[in-house]
């Protein structure tokens, strides 16, 4: 794939730098080698799964960023009870 045959949309164009204990890193990388996979592949898989399983939380966060009017429009309208209608 070094010949540029990889589609542009599939290219990895960002990095995530984290700080962890060296022993945790070494244990993780060693386990990945034992399982014939790479640490990067496993972390990418974890991130994709995490985002997919928490999609509803993302929708809620987007909703919080909306204006009060927009949220009011999304709120189900309460119907008056029949008893109140009869009293009028």
PDB file of N, CA and C in Angstrom:
ATOM      1  N   UNK A   1       0.812  -1.200   0.000  1.00  0.00           N
ATOM      2  CA  UNK A   1       0.000   0.000   0.000  1.00  0.00           C
ATOM      3  C   UNK A   1       0.853   1.262   0.000  1.00  0.00           C
ATOM      4  N   UNK A   2       2.142   1.083   0.004  1.00  0.00           N
ATOM      5  CA  UNK A   2       3.030   2.234  -0.029  1.00  0.00           C
ATOM      6  C   UNK A   2       3.029   2.912  -1.389  1.00  0.00           C
ATOM      7  N   UNK A   3       2.424   2.244  -2.386  1.00  0.00           N
ATOM      8  CA  UNK A   3       2.398   2.807  -3.727  1.00  0.00           C
ATOM      9  C   UNK A   3       1.294   3.833  -3.935  1.00  0.00           C
ATOM     10  N   UNK A   4       0.567   4.191  -2.893  1.00  0.00           N
ATOM     11  CA  UNK A   4      -0.472   5.205  -3.007  1.00  0.00           C
ATOM     12  C   UNK A   4      -1.809   4.635  -3.425  1.00  0.00           C
ATOM     13  N   UNK A   5      -1.967   3.303  -3.373  1.00  0.00           N
ATOM     14  CA  UNK A   5      -3.225   2.697  -3.799  1.00  0.00           C
ATOM     15  C   UNK A   5      -4.328   2.826  -2.753  1.00  0.00           C
ATOM     16  N   UNK A   6      -3.962   3.198  -1.559  1.00  0.00           N
ATOM     17  CA  UNK A   6      -4.965   3.372  -0.507  1.00  0.00           C
ATOM     18  C   UNK A   6      -5.837   4.586  -0.820  1.00  0.00           C
ATOM     19  N   UNK A   7      -7.145   4.407  -0.692  1.00  0.00           N
ATOM     20  CA  UNK A   7      -8.073   5.513  -0.981  1.00  0.00           C
ATOM     21  C   UNK A   7      -7.805   6.673  -0.036  1.00  0.00           C
ATOM     22  N   UNK A   8      -8.005   7.884  -0.533  1.00  0.00           N
ATOM     23  CA  UNK A   8      -7.725   9.076   0.261  1.00  0.00           C
ATOM     24  C   UNK A   8      -8.546   9.115   1.538  1.00  0.00           C
ATOM     25  N   UNK A   9      -9.803   8.659   1.493  1.00  0.00           N
ATOM     26  CA  UNK A   9     -10.662   8.704   2.670  1.00  0.00           C
ATOM     27  C   UNK A   9     -10.226   7.721   3.752  1.00  0.00           C
ATOM     28  N   UNK A  10      -9.455   6.697   3.386  1.00  0.00           N
ATOM     29  CA  UNK A  10      -9.020   5.698   4.357  1.00  0.00           C
ATOM     30  C   UNK A  10      -7.708   6.056   5.045  1.00  0.00           C
ATOM     31  N   UNK A  11      -7.075   7.118   4.609  1.00  0.00           N
ATOM     32  CA  UNK A  11      -5.792   7.483   5.203  1.00  0.00           C
ATOM     33  C   UNK A  11      -5.971   7.950   6.632  1.00  0.00           C
ATOM     34  N   UNK A  12      -5.021   7.577   7.441  1.00  0.00           N
ATOM     35  CA  UNK A  12      -5.023   8.015   8.832  1.00  0.00           C
ATOM     36  C   UNK A  12      -4.299   9.355   8.875  1.00  0.00           C
ATOM     37  N   UNK A  13      -5.025  10.396   9.274  1.00  0.00           N
ATOM     38  CA  UNK A  13      -4.465  11.739   9.183  1.00  0.00           C
ATOM     39  C   UNK A  13      -4.376  12.442  10.531  1.00  0.00           C
ATOM     40  N   UNK A  14      -4.484  11.688  11.623  1.00  0.00           N
ATOM     41  CA  UNK A  14      -4.457  12.314  12.931  1.00  0.00           C
ATOM     42  C   UNK A  14      -3.757  11.400  13.934  1.00  0.00           C
ATOM     43  N   UNK A  15      -3.294  12.000  15.013  1.00  0.00           N
ATOM     44  CA  UNK A  15      -2.636  11.241  16.069  1.00  0.00           C
ATOM     45  C   UNK A  15      -3.310  11.520  17.394  1.00  0.00           C
ATOM     46  N   UNK A  16      -3.246  10.538  18.279  1.00  0.00           N
ATOM     47  CA  UNK A  16      -3.730  10.680  19.644  1.00  0.00           C
ATOM     48  C   UNK A  16      -2.570  10.296  20.548  1.00  0.00           C
ATOM     49  N   UNK A  17      -2.064  11.246  21.279  1.00  0.00           N
ATOM     50  CA  UNK A  17      -0.919  10.995  22.156  1.00  0.00           C
ATOM     51  C   UNK A  17      -1.426  10.884  23.583  1.00  0.00           C
ATOM     52  N   UNK A  18      -1.110   9.764  24.227  1.00  0.00           N
ATOM     53  CA  UNK A  18      -1.536   9.546  25.612  1.00  0.00           C
ATOM     54  C   UNK A  18      -0.321   9.233  26.470  1.00  0.00           C
ATOM     55  N   UNK A  19      -0.465   9.460  27.763  1.00  0.00           N
ATOM     56  CA  UNK A  19       0.600   9.143  28.701  1.00  0.00           C
ATOM     57  C   UNK A  19       0.128   8.010  29.591  1.00  0.00           C
ATOM     58  N   UNK A  20       0.889   6.915  29.584  1.00  0.00           N
ATOM     59  CA  UNK A  20       0.592   5.767  30.438  1.00  0.00           C
ATOM     60  C   UNK A  20       1.897   5.272  31.047  1.00  0.00           C
ATOM     61  N   UNK A  21       1.750   4.413  32.042  1.00  0.00           N
ATOM     62  CA  UNK A  21       2.946   3.842  32.664  1.00  0.00           C
ATOM     63  C   UNK A  21       3.673   2.965  31.651  1.00  0.00           C
ATOM     64  N   UNK A  22       4.980   3.015  31.705  1.00  0.00           N
ATOM     65  CA  UNK A  22       5.792   2.230  30.784  1.00  0.00           C
ATOM     66  C   UNK A  22       5.509   0.745  30.870  1.00  0.00           C
ATOM     67  N   UNK A  23       5.272   0.257  32.079  1.00  0.00           N
ATOM     68  CA  UNK A  23       5.007  -1.179  32.242  1.00  0.00           C
ATOM     69  C   UNK A  23       3.674  -1.562  31.588  1.00  0.00           C
ATOM     70  N   UNK A  24       2.661  -0.667  31.667  1.00  0.00           N
ATOM     71  CA  UNK A  24       1.382  -0.943  31.004  1.00  0.00           C
ATOM     72  C   UNK A  24       1.569  -0.995  29.490  1.00  0.00           C
ATOM     73  N   UNK A  25       2.348  -0.061  28.966  1.00  0.00           N
ATOM     74  CA  UNK A  25       2.620  -0.032  27.531  1.00  0.00           C
ATOM     75  C   UNK A  25       3.344  -1.289  27.099  1.00  0.00           C
ATOM     76  N   UNK A  26       4.386  -1.648  27.834  1.00  0.00           N
ATOM     77  CA  UNK A  26       5.173  -2.832  27.478  1.00  0.00           C
ATOM     78  C   UNK A  26       4.322  -4.099  27.523  1.00  0.00           C
ATOM     79  N   UNK A  27       3.479  -4.233  28.546  1.00  0.00           N
ATOM     80  CA  UNK A  27       2.609  -5.401  28.655  1.00  0.00           C
ATOM     81  C   UNK A  27       1.614  -5.447  27.498  1.00  0.00           C
ATOM     82  N   UNK A  28       1.049  -4.301  27.140  1.00  0.00           N
ATOM     83  CA  UNK A  28       0.078  -4.227  26.051  1.00  0.00           C
ATOM     84  C   UNK A  28       0.729  -4.579  24.715  1.00  0.00           C
ATOM     85  N   UNK A  29       1.874  -3.968  24.428  1.00  0.00           N
ATOM     86  CA  UNK A  29       2.567  -4.225  23.164  1.00  0.00           C
ATOM     87  C   UNK A  29       2.996  -5.688  23.092  1.00  0.00           C
ATOM     88  N   UNK A  30       3.490  -6.227  24.205  1.00  0.00           N
ATOM     89  CA  UNK A  30       3.895  -7.636  24.227  1.00  0.00           C
ATOM     90  C   UNK A  30       2.722  -8.568  23.975  1.00  0.00           C
ATOM     91  N   UNK A  31       1.592  -8.284  24.581  1.00  0.00           N
ATOM     92  CA  UNK A  31       0.399  -9.099  24.367  1.00  0.00           C
ATOM     93  C   UNK A  31      -0.062  -8.999  22.916  1.00  0.00           C
ATOM     94  N   UNK A  32      -0.018  -7.810  22.351  1.00  0.00           N
ATOM     95  CA  UNK A  32      -0.397  -7.644  20.945  1.00  0.00           C
ATOM     96  C   UNK A  32       0.514  -8.470  20.033  1.00  0.00           C
ATOM     97  N   UNK A  33       1.812  -8.468  20.311  1.00  0.00           N
ATOM     98  CA  UNK A  33       2.741  -9.264  19.504  1.00  0.00           C
ATOM     99  C   UNK A  33       2.425 -10.749  19.637  1.00  0.00           C
ATOM    100  N   UNK A  34       2.106 -11.181  20.844  1.00  0.00           N
ATOM    101  CA  UNK A  34       1.758 -12.584  21.079  1.00  0.00           C
ATOM    102  C   UNK A  34       0.511 -12.971  20.279  1.00  0.00           C
ATOM    103  N   UNK A  35      -0.431 -12.042  20.171  1.00  0.00           N
ATOM    104  CA  UNK A  35      -1.681 -12.288  19.457  1.00  0.00           C
ATOM    105  C   UNK A  35      -1.582 -11.974  17.965  1.00  0.00           C
ATOM    106  N   UNK A  36      -0.364 -11.667  17.498  1.00  0.00           N
ATOM    107  CA  UNK A  36      -0.098 -11.357  16.091  1.00  0.00           C
ATOM    108  C   UNK A  36      -0.953 -10.201  15.577  1.00  0.00           C
ATOM    109  N   UNK A  37      -0.975  -9.135  16.337  1.00  0.00           N
ATOM    110  CA  UNK A  37      -1.656  -7.913  15.936  1.00  0.00           C
ATOM    111  C   UNK A  37      -0.787  -6.738  16.355  1.00  0.00           C
ATOM    112  N   UNK A  38      -1.187  -5.537  16.000  1.00  0.00           N
ATOM    113  CA  UNK A  38      -0.402  -4.376  16.416  1.00  0.00           C
ATOM    114  C   UNK A  38      -1.164  -3.605  17.486  1.00  0.00           C
ATOM    115  N   UNK A  39      -0.424  -2.892  18.298  1.00  0.00           N
ATOM    116  CA  UNK A  39      -1.042  -2.066  19.337  1.00  0.00           C
ATOM    117  C   UNK A  39      -1.922  -0.999  18.699  1.00  0.00           C
ATOM    118  N   UNK A  40      -1.461  -0.397  17.622  1.00  0.00           N
ATOM    119  CA  UNK A  40      -2.236   0.644  16.949  1.00  0.00           C
ATOM    120  C   UNK A  40      -3.554   0.088  16.423  1.00  0.00           C
ATOM    121  N   UNK A  41      -3.518  -1.098  15.835  1.00  0.00           N
ATOM    122  CA  UNK A  41      -4.741  -1.710  15.309  1.00  0.00           C
ATOM    123  C   UNK A  41      -5.753  -1.940  16.420  1.00  0.00           C
ATOM    124  N   UNK A  42      -5.288  -2.433  17.562  1.00  0.00           N
ATOM    125  CA  UNK A  42      -6.190  -2.716  18.675  1.00  0.00           C
ATOM    126  C   UNK A  42      -6.761  -1.437  19.285  1.00  0.00           C
ATOM    127  N   UNK A  43      -5.948  -0.396  19.362  1.00  0.00           N
ATOM    128  CA  UNK A  43      -6.443   0.877  19.906  1.00  0.00           C
ATOM    129  C   UNK A  43      -7.449   1.500  18.947  1.00  0.00           C
ATOM    130  N   UNK A  44      -7.176   1.438  17.632  1.00  0.00           N
ATOM    131  CA  UNK A  44      -8.147   1.952  16.657  1.00  0.00           C
ATOM    132  C   UNK A  44      -9.462   1.189  16.752  1.00  0.00           C
ATOM    133  N   UNK A  45      -9.393  -0.132  16.901  1.00  0.00           N
ATOM    134  CA  UNK A  45     -10.606  -0.947  17.019  1.00  0.00           C
ATOM    135  C   UNK A  45     -11.380  -0.570  18.279  1.00  0.00           C
ATOM    136  N   UNK A  46     -10.657  -0.335  19.380  1.00  0.00           N
ATOM    137  CA  UNK A  46     -11.313   0.064  20.617  1.00  0.00           C
ATOM    138  C   UNK A  46     -12.036   1.400  20.435  1.00  0.00           C
ATOM    139  N   UNK A  47     -11.368   2.357  19.807  1.00  0.00           N
ATOM    140  CA  UNK A  47     -11.960   3.686  19.611  1.00  0.00           C
ATOM    141  C   UNK A  47     -13.219   3.590  18.745  1.00  0.00           C
ATOM    142  N   UNK A  48     -13.157   2.843  17.638  1.00  0.00           N
ATOM    143  CA  UNK A  48     -14.327   2.683  16.766  1.00  0.00           C
ATOM    144  C   UNK A  48     -15.490   2.058  17.524  1.00  0.00           C
ATOM    145  N   UNK A  49     -15.215   1.008  18.305  1.00  0.00           N
ATOM    146  CA  UNK A  49     -16.262   0.337  19.066  1.00  0.00           C
ATOM    147  C   UNK A  49     -16.840   1.261  20.139  1.00  0.00           C
ATOM    148  N   UNK A  50     -15.996   2.003  20.802  1.00  0.00           N
ATOM    149  CA  UNK A  50     -16.426   2.926  21.847  1.00  0.00           C
ATOM    150  C   UNK A  50     -17.351   4.001  21.279  1.00  0.00           C
ATOM    151  N   UNK A  51     -16.949   4.571  20.153  1.00  0.00           N
ATOM    152  CA  UNK A  51     -17.765   5.611  19.524  1.00  0.00           C
ATOM    153  C   UNK A  51     -19.099   5.031  19.058  1.00  0.00           C
ATOM    154  N   UNK A  52     -19.064   3.845  18.465  1.00  0.00           N
ATOM    155  CA  UNK A  52     -20.290   3.209  17.979  1.00  0.00           C
ATOM    156  C   UNK A  52     -21.243   2.896  19.130  1.00  0.00           C
ATOM    157  N   UNK A  53     -20.726   2.410  20.256  1.00  0.00           N
ATOM    158  CA  UNK A  53     -21.590   2.010  21.367  1.00  0.00           C
ATOM    159  C   UNK A  53     -22.079   3.196  22.198  1.00  0.00           C
ATOM    160  N   UNK A  54     -21.475   4.350  22.037  1.00  0.00           N
ATOM    161  CA  UNK A  54     -21.885   5.523  22.798  1.00  0.00           C
ATOM    162  C   UNK A  54     -22.485   6.604  21.911  1.00  0.00           C
ATOM    163  N   UNK A  55     -23.015   6.228  20.775  1.00  0.00           N
ATOM    164  CA  UNK A  55     -23.576   7.176  19.825  1.00  0.00           C
ATOM    165  C   UNK A  55     -24.724   7.983  20.382  1.00  0.00           C
ATOM    166  N   UNK A  56     -25.562   7.371  21.237  1.00  0.00           N
ATOM    167  CA  UNK A  56     -26.695   8.094  21.817  1.00  0.00           C
ATOM    168  C   UNK A  56     -26.219   9.219  22.718  1.00  0.00           C
ATOM    169  N   UNK A  57     -25.129   9.010  23.409  1.00  0.00           N
ATOM    170  CA  UNK A  57     -24.583  10.060  24.267  1.00  0.00           C
ATOM    171  C   UNK A  57     -24.130  11.233  23.410  1.00  0.00           C
ATOM    172  N   UNK A  58     -23.569  10.936  22.257  1.00  0.00           N
ATOM    173  CA  UNK A  58     -23.145  11.996  21.346  1.00  0.00           C
ATOM    174  C   UNK A  58     -24.347  12.811  20.889  1.00  0.00           C
ATOM    175  N   UNK A  59     -25.463  12.140  20.582  1.00  0.00           N
ATOM    176  CA  UNK A  59     -26.675  12.853  20.173  1.00  0.00           C
ATOM    177  C   UNK A  59     -27.157  13.765  21.301  1.00  0.00           C
ATOM    178  N   UNK A  60     -27.102  13.278  22.547  1.00  0.00           N
ATOM    179  CA  UNK A  60     -27.527  14.093  23.688  1.00  0.00           C
ATOM    180  C   UNK A  60     -26.632  15.319  23.833  1.00  0.00           C
ATOM    181  N   UNK A  61     -25.351  15.145  23.626  1.00  0.00           N
ATOM    182  CA  UNK A  61     -24.425  16.275  23.729  1.00  0.00           C
ATOM    183  C   UNK A  61     -24.718  17.310  22.648  1.00  0.00           C
ATOM    184  N   UNK A  62     -25.031  16.859  21.452  1.00  0.00           N
ATOM    185  CA  UNK A  62     -25.378  17.798  20.378  1.00  0.00           C
ATOM    186  C   UNK A  62     -26.654  18.552  20.731  1.00  0.00           C
ATOM    187  N   UNK A  63     -27.600  17.854  21.343  1.00  0.00           N
ATOM    188  CA  UNK A  63     -28.859  18.481  21.732  1.00  0.00           C
ATOM    189  C   UNK A  63     -28.612  19.577  22.755  1.00  0.00           C
ATOM    190  N   UNK A  64     -27.687  19.358  23.682  1.00  0.00           N
ATOM    191  CA  UNK A  64     -27.387  20.362  24.698  1.00  0.00           C
ATOM    192  C   UNK A  64     -26.822  21.633  24.085  1.00  0.00           C
ATOM    193  N   UNK A  65     -26.214  21.520  22.936  1.00  0.00           N
ATOM    194  CA  UNK A  65     -25.642  22.687  22.273  1.00  0.00           C
ATOM    195  C   UNK A  65     -26.672  23.473  21.469  1.00  0.00           C
ATOM    196  N   UNK A  66     -27.894  23.004  21.409  1.00  0.00           N
ATOM    197  CA  UNK A  66     -28.930  23.707  20.657  1.00  0.00           C
ATOM    198  C   UNK A  66     -29.511  24.842  21.483  1.00  0.00           C
ATOM    199  N   UNK A  67     -30.164  25.750  20.797  1.00  0.00           N
ATOM    200  CA  UNK A  67     -30.793  26.867  21.492  1.00  0.00           C
ATOM    201  C   UNK A  67     -32.024  26.381  22.241  1.00  0.00           C
ATOM    202  N   UNK A  68     -32.488  27.171  23.187  1.00  0.00           N
ATOM    203  CA  UNK A  68     -33.659  26.827  23.979  1.00  0.00           C
ATOM    204  C   UNK A  68     -34.876  26.607  23.096  1.00  0.00           C
ATOM    205  N   UNK A  69     -35.046  27.432  22.070  1.00  0.00           N
ATOM    206  CA  UNK A  69     -36.188  27.295  21.172  1.00  0.00           C
ATOM    207  C   UNK A  69     -36.145  25.975  20.419  1.00  0.00           C
ATOM    208  N   UNK A  70     -34.957  25.593  19.963  1.00  0.00           N
ATOM    209  CA  UNK A  70     -34.826  24.342  19.232  1.00  0.00           C
ATOM    210  C   UNK A  70     -35.158  23.154  20.130  1.00  0.00           C
ATOM    211  N   UNK A  71     -34.690  23.194  21.382  1.00  0.00           N
ATOM    212  CA  UNK A  71     -34.973  22.110  22.314  1.00  0.00           C
ATOM    213  C   UNK A  71     -36.465  22.053  22.612  1.00  0.00           C
ATOM    214  N   UNK A  72     -37.100  23.215  22.781  1.00  0.00           N
ATOM    215  CA  UNK A  72     -38.536  23.257  23.044  1.00  0.00           C
ATOM    216  C   UNK A  72     -39.308  22.628  21.885  1.00  0.00           C
ATOM    217  N   UNK A  73     -38.852  22.867  20.664  1.00  0.00           N
ATOM    218  CA  UNK A  73     -39.511  22.291  19.491  1.00  0.00           C
ATOM    219  C   UNK A  73     -39.370  20.768  19.463  1.00  0.00           C
ATOM    220  N   UNK A  74     -38.300  20.230  20.044  1.00  0.00           N
ATOM    221  CA  UNK A  74     -38.088  18.786  20.066  1.00  0.00           C
ATOM    222  C   UNK A  74     -38.854  18.100  21.188  1.00  0.00           C
ATOM    223  N   UNK A  75     -39.273  18.865  22.201  1.00  0.00           N
ATOM    224  CA  UNK A  75     -39.950  18.302  23.358  1.00  0.00           C
ATOM    225  C   UNK A  75     -41.375  17.916  22.992  1.00  0.00           C
ATOM    226  N   UNK A  76     -41.792  16.678  23.341  1.00  0.00           N
ATOM    227  CA  UNK A  76     -43.174  16.290  23.037  1.00  0.00           C
ATOM    228  C   UNK A  76     -44.151  17.208  23.754  1.00  0.00           C
ATOM    229  N   UNK A  77     -45.205  17.581  23.056  1.00  0.00           N
ATOM    230  CA  UNK A  77     -46.211  18.471  23.633  1.00  0.00           C
ATOM    231  C   UNK A  77     -47.160  17.669  24.523  1.00  0.00           C
ATOM    232  N   UNK A  78     -47.473  18.227  25.690  1.00  0.00           N
ATOM    233  CA  UNK A  78     -48.407  17.590  26.611  1.00  0.00           C
ATOM    234  C   UNK A  78     -49.824  17.928  26.169  1.00  0.00           C
ATOM    235  N   UNK A  79     -50.672  16.944  26.198  1.00  0.00           N
ATOM    236  CA  UNK A  79     -52.069  17.179  25.869  1.00  0.00           C
ATOM    237  C   UNK A  79     -52.846  17.402  27.156  1.00  0.00           C
ATOM    238  N   UNK A  80     -53.789  18.312  27.093  1.00  0.00           N
ATOM    239  CA  UNK A  80     -54.625  18.557  28.265  1.00  0.00           C
ATOM    240  C   UNK A  80     -55.527  17.361  28.478  1.00  0.00           C
ATOM    241  N   UNK A  81     -55.757  17.039  29.729  1.00  0.00           N
ATOM    242  CA  UNK A  81     -56.629  15.908  30.021  1.00  0.00           C
ATOM    243  C   UNK A  81     -58.068  16.230  29.634  1.00  0.00           C
ATOM    244  N   UNK A  82     -58.841  15.206  29.400  1.00  0.00           N
ATOM    245  CA  UNK A  82     -60.233  15.397  29.008  1.00  0.00           C
ATOM    246  C   UNK A  82     -61.015  16.059  30.119  1.00  0.00           C
ATOM    247  N   UNK A  83     -60.666  15.804  31.371  1.00  0.00           N
ATOM    248  CA  UNK A  83     -61.367  16.393  32.500  1.00  0.00           C
ATOM    249  C   UNK A  83     -61.240  17.908  32.481  1.00  0.00           C
ATOM    250  N   UNK A  84     -60.046  18.421  32.188  1.00  0.00           N
ATOM    251  CA  UNK A  84     -59.839  19.862  32.139  1.00  0.00           C
ATOM    252  C   UNK A  84     -60.628  20.491  30.995  1.00  0.00           C
ATOM    253  N   UNK A  85     -60.718  19.794  29.898  1.00  0.00           N
ATOM    254  CA  UNK A  85     -61.465  20.322  28.754  1.00  0.00           C
ATOM    255  C   UNK A  85     -62.946  20.429  29.074  1.00  0.00           C
ATOM    256  N   UNK A  86     -63.485  19.461  29.826  1.00  0.00           N
ATOM    257  CA  UNK A  86     -64.898  19.461  30.156  1.00  0.00           C
ATOM    258  C   UNK A  86     -65.256  20.580  31.119  1.00  0.00           C
ATOM    259  N   UNK A  87     -64.326  20.955  32.016  1.00  0.00           N
ATOM    260  CA  UNK A  87     -64.603  21.967  33.012  1.00  0.00           C
ATOM    261  C   UNK A  87     -64.759  23.350  32.403  1.00  0.00           C
ATOM    262  N   UNK A  88     -64.210  23.578  31.233  1.00  0.00           N
ATOM    263  CA  UNK A  88     -64.252  24.894  30.592  1.00  0.00           C
ATOM    264  C   UNK A  88     -65.552  25.142  30.004  1.00  0.00           C
TER     265      UNK A  88
END
